[in-house]
């Protein structure tokens, strides 16, 4: 019974990421509650890890709030790239017609945004992008995109390449101090790209 309840509450917390009206605080509290229900289990560990990463995001946001798209456009170009990457944390799956998404805006910025995106490739902290496709057995598979995954998506759009290196940026990926294969692959591409532009 406790396991079923914990699984339900965990899925409910994941659903909340896709609801912009749900605050980070409410989502974190839900995850922390799940983490305490079944200590030292896989579900508990996932909930606790995600809550910890969300806390890191909240602390950063409190110290330096994310700017609006309009405010970013008033900054010097080199600062715009950094701030636009920071907006990835607020990205959502579906947007109304004519709205601006951080990923699309970064792709429009082109190669100039690449250094700021590379710096975010290994960031496993969550965004508001929530997916819920059906699996083979007809069950829904719940997932959340990380900042690093959206950064990789923007880099693929800018480069026109499909990068195949192993990522460490999944929201439930184990913490690691190592640079991912994916980032190394992207950095190698960036070096070659710049060489081609050199006279």
Foldseek 3Di string as FASTA:
>chain_A
DLVVVLVVLLVVLLVVLQPVVDDLVNSLVSLCVSLVSDDPDPSNLLSVLLSVLSVVLVVVCVVPNQDDPVVLVPDDPLVSLLSLLNCQQAAHDDDDPPDDGSLVVLLVVAPSSLVNLLVQLQAQHFHSYWDWDADPVRHTDIATDGSNNSSVVSLCSRVVDDQDWDHQRHNRRDDDPDDTRRSVVSVVVSVVVVVVVDD
